[in-house]
C-alpha atoms as a PDB file:
ATOM      1  CA  MET A   1      10.054  32.798 -12.703  1.00  0.00           C
ATOM      2  CA  LEU A   2      10.845  30.256 -10.029  1.00  0.00           C
ATOM      3  CA  PRO A   3      14.443  29.772 -11.281  1.00  0.00           C
ATOM      4  CA  LEU A   4      15.007  33.502 -10.782  1.00  0.00           C
ATOM      5  CA  VAL A   5      13.765  33.282  -7.195  1.00  0.00           C
ATOM      6  CA  LEU A   6      16.005  30.289  -6.460  1.00  0.00           C
ATOM      7  CA  ALA A   7      19.073  31.622  -8.332  1.00  0.00           C
ATOM      8  CA  THR A   8      22.573  30.989  -6.981  1.00  0.00           C
ATOM      9  CA  GLY A   9      26.017  32.067  -8.092  1.00  0.00           C
ATOM     10  CA  ALA A  10      27.255  35.318  -9.588  1.00  0.00           C
ATOM     11  CA  GLY A  11      24.551  37.984  -9.694  1.00  0.00           C
ATOM     12  CA  ALA A  12      22.152  35.842  -7.674  1.00  0.00           C
ATOM     13  CA  ALA A  13      21.046  38.725  -5.452  1.00  0.00           C
ATOM     14  CA  ALA A  14      19.888  40.771  -8.438  1.00  0.00           C
ATOM     15  CA  ARG A  15      18.115  37.791  -9.971  1.00  0.00           C
ATOM     16  CA  GLN A  16      16.446  36.843  -6.693  1.00  0.00           C
ATOM     17  CA  SER A  17      15.142  40.355  -6.071  1.00  0.00           C
ATOM     18  CA  MET A  18      13.773  40.626  -9.598  1.00  0.00           C
ATOM     19  CA  GLY A  19      12.348  37.106  -9.512  1.00  0.00           C
ATOM     20  CA  SER A  20      10.632  37.546  -6.157  1.00  0.00           C
ATOM     21  CA  GLY A  21       8.928  40.745  -7.330  1.00  0.00           C
ATOM     22  CA  VAL A  22       7.724  39.176 -10.569  1.00  0.00           C
ATOM     23  CA  PHE A  23       6.670  35.940  -8.870  1.00  0.00           C
ATOM     24  CA  GLY A  24       4.796  37.803  -6.125  1.00  0.00           C
ATOM     25  CA  GLY A  25       3.065  40.005  -8.684  1.00  0.00           C
ATOM     26  CA  MET A  26       1.924  36.980 -10.659  1.00  0.00           C
ATOM     27  CA  ILE A  27       0.518  35.322  -7.530  1.00  0.00           C
ATOM     28  CA  VAL A  28      -1.318  38.472  -6.427  1.00  0.00           C
ATOM     29  CA  ALA A  29      -2.691  39.134  -9.931  1.00  0.00           C
ATOM     30  CA  THR A  30      -3.972  35.563 -10.136  1.00  0.00           C
ATOM     31  CA  PHE A  31      -6.188  36.075  -7.105  1.00  0.00           C
ATOM     32  CA  ILE A  32      -7.182  39.701  -7.717  1.00  0.00           C
ATOM     33  CA  ALA A  33      -8.047  39.513 -11.446  1.00  0.00           C
ATOM     34  CA  PRO A  34     -11.121  37.239 -11.080  1.00  0.00           C
ATOM     35  CA  VAL A  35     -12.635  39.840  -8.754  1.00  0.00           C
ATOM     36  CA  PHE A  36     -11.766  43.109 -10.466  1.00  0.00           C
ATOM     37  CA  ILE A  37     -12.275  42.186 -14.132  1.00  0.00           C
ATOM     38  CA  PRO A  38     -15.985  41.305 -13.700  1.00  0.00           C
ATOM     39  CA  LEU A  39     -16.411  44.315 -11.404  1.00  0.00           C
ATOM     40  CA  PHE A  40     -15.048  46.744 -13.994  1.00  0.00           C
ATOM     41  CA  PHE A  41     -17.037  45.027 -16.748  1.00  0.00           C
ATOM     42  CA  SER A  42     -20.293  45.431 -14.837  1.00  0.00           C
ATOM     43  CA  LEU A  43     -19.513  49.074 -14.067  1.00  0.00           C
ATOM     44  CA  LEU A  44     -18.778  49.812 -17.717  1.00  0.00           C
ATOM     45  CA  ALA A  45     -21.828  47.864 -18.903  1.00  0.00           C
ATOM     46  CA  ARG A  46     -24.109  50.057 -16.773  1.00  0.00           C
ATOM     47  CA  LYS A  47     -22.606  53.278 -18.101  1.00  0.00           C
ATOM     48  CA  PRO A  48     -25.111  54.939 -20.452  1.00  0.00           C
ATOM     49  CA  ARG A  49     -23.941  55.360 -23.994  1.00  0.00           C
ATOM     50  CA  PRO A  50     -23.948  58.854 -25.470  1.00  0.00           C
ATOM     51  CA  SER A  51     -26.904  59.574 -27.715  1.00  0.00           C
ATOM     52  CA  HIS A  52     -26.479  61.493 -30.915  1.00  0.00           C
ATOM     53  CA  LYS A  53     -29.496  63.768 -30.637  1.00  0.00           C
ATOM     54  CA  HIS A  54     -27.911  66.609 -32.559  1.00  0.00           C
ATOM     55  CA  ALA A  55     -27.860  65.772 -36.230  1.00  0.00           C
ATOM     56  CA  ALA A  56     -24.832  66.903 -38.154  1.00  0.00           C
ATOM     57  CA  ALA A  57     -25.302  69.697 -40.657  1.00  0.00           C
ATOM     58  CA  PRO A  58     -25.751  68.380 -44.188  1.00  0.00           C
ATOM     59  CA  ALA A  59     -22.657  68.518 -46.330  1.00  0.00           C
ATOM     60  CA  LEU A  60     -22.665  71.274 -48.913  1.00  0.00           C
ATOM     61  CA  PRO A  61     -21.395  70.645 -52.427  1.00  0.00           C
ATOM     62  CA  ALA A  62     -17.984  72.066 -53.216  1.00  0.00           C
ATOM     63  CA  SER A  63     -17.954  75.256 -55.219  1.00  0.00           C
ATOM     64  CA  GLU A  64     -16.106  75.393 -58.501  1.00  0.00           C
ATOM     65  CA  ASP A  65     -13.547  77.752 -56.945  1.00  0.00           C
ATOM     66  CA  HIS A  66     -12.209  74.954 -54.740  1.00  0.00           C
ATOM     67  CA  ILE A  67     -12.125  72.125 -57.274  1.00  0.00           C
END
């Protein structure tokens, strides 16, 4: 991404604006991800799992009309 940030020549302004956004996003994500990924993992790990207390009705055999 650094070549996009340092681009020169025809279309350099478009490349520089795209490159600076991508480069900045990568830098920010590098420092934010080690904080938020474990945080979300711990929040999801504490979430109680649904219990299946209600048993499903037993399946009935098919009648000969529907075979």
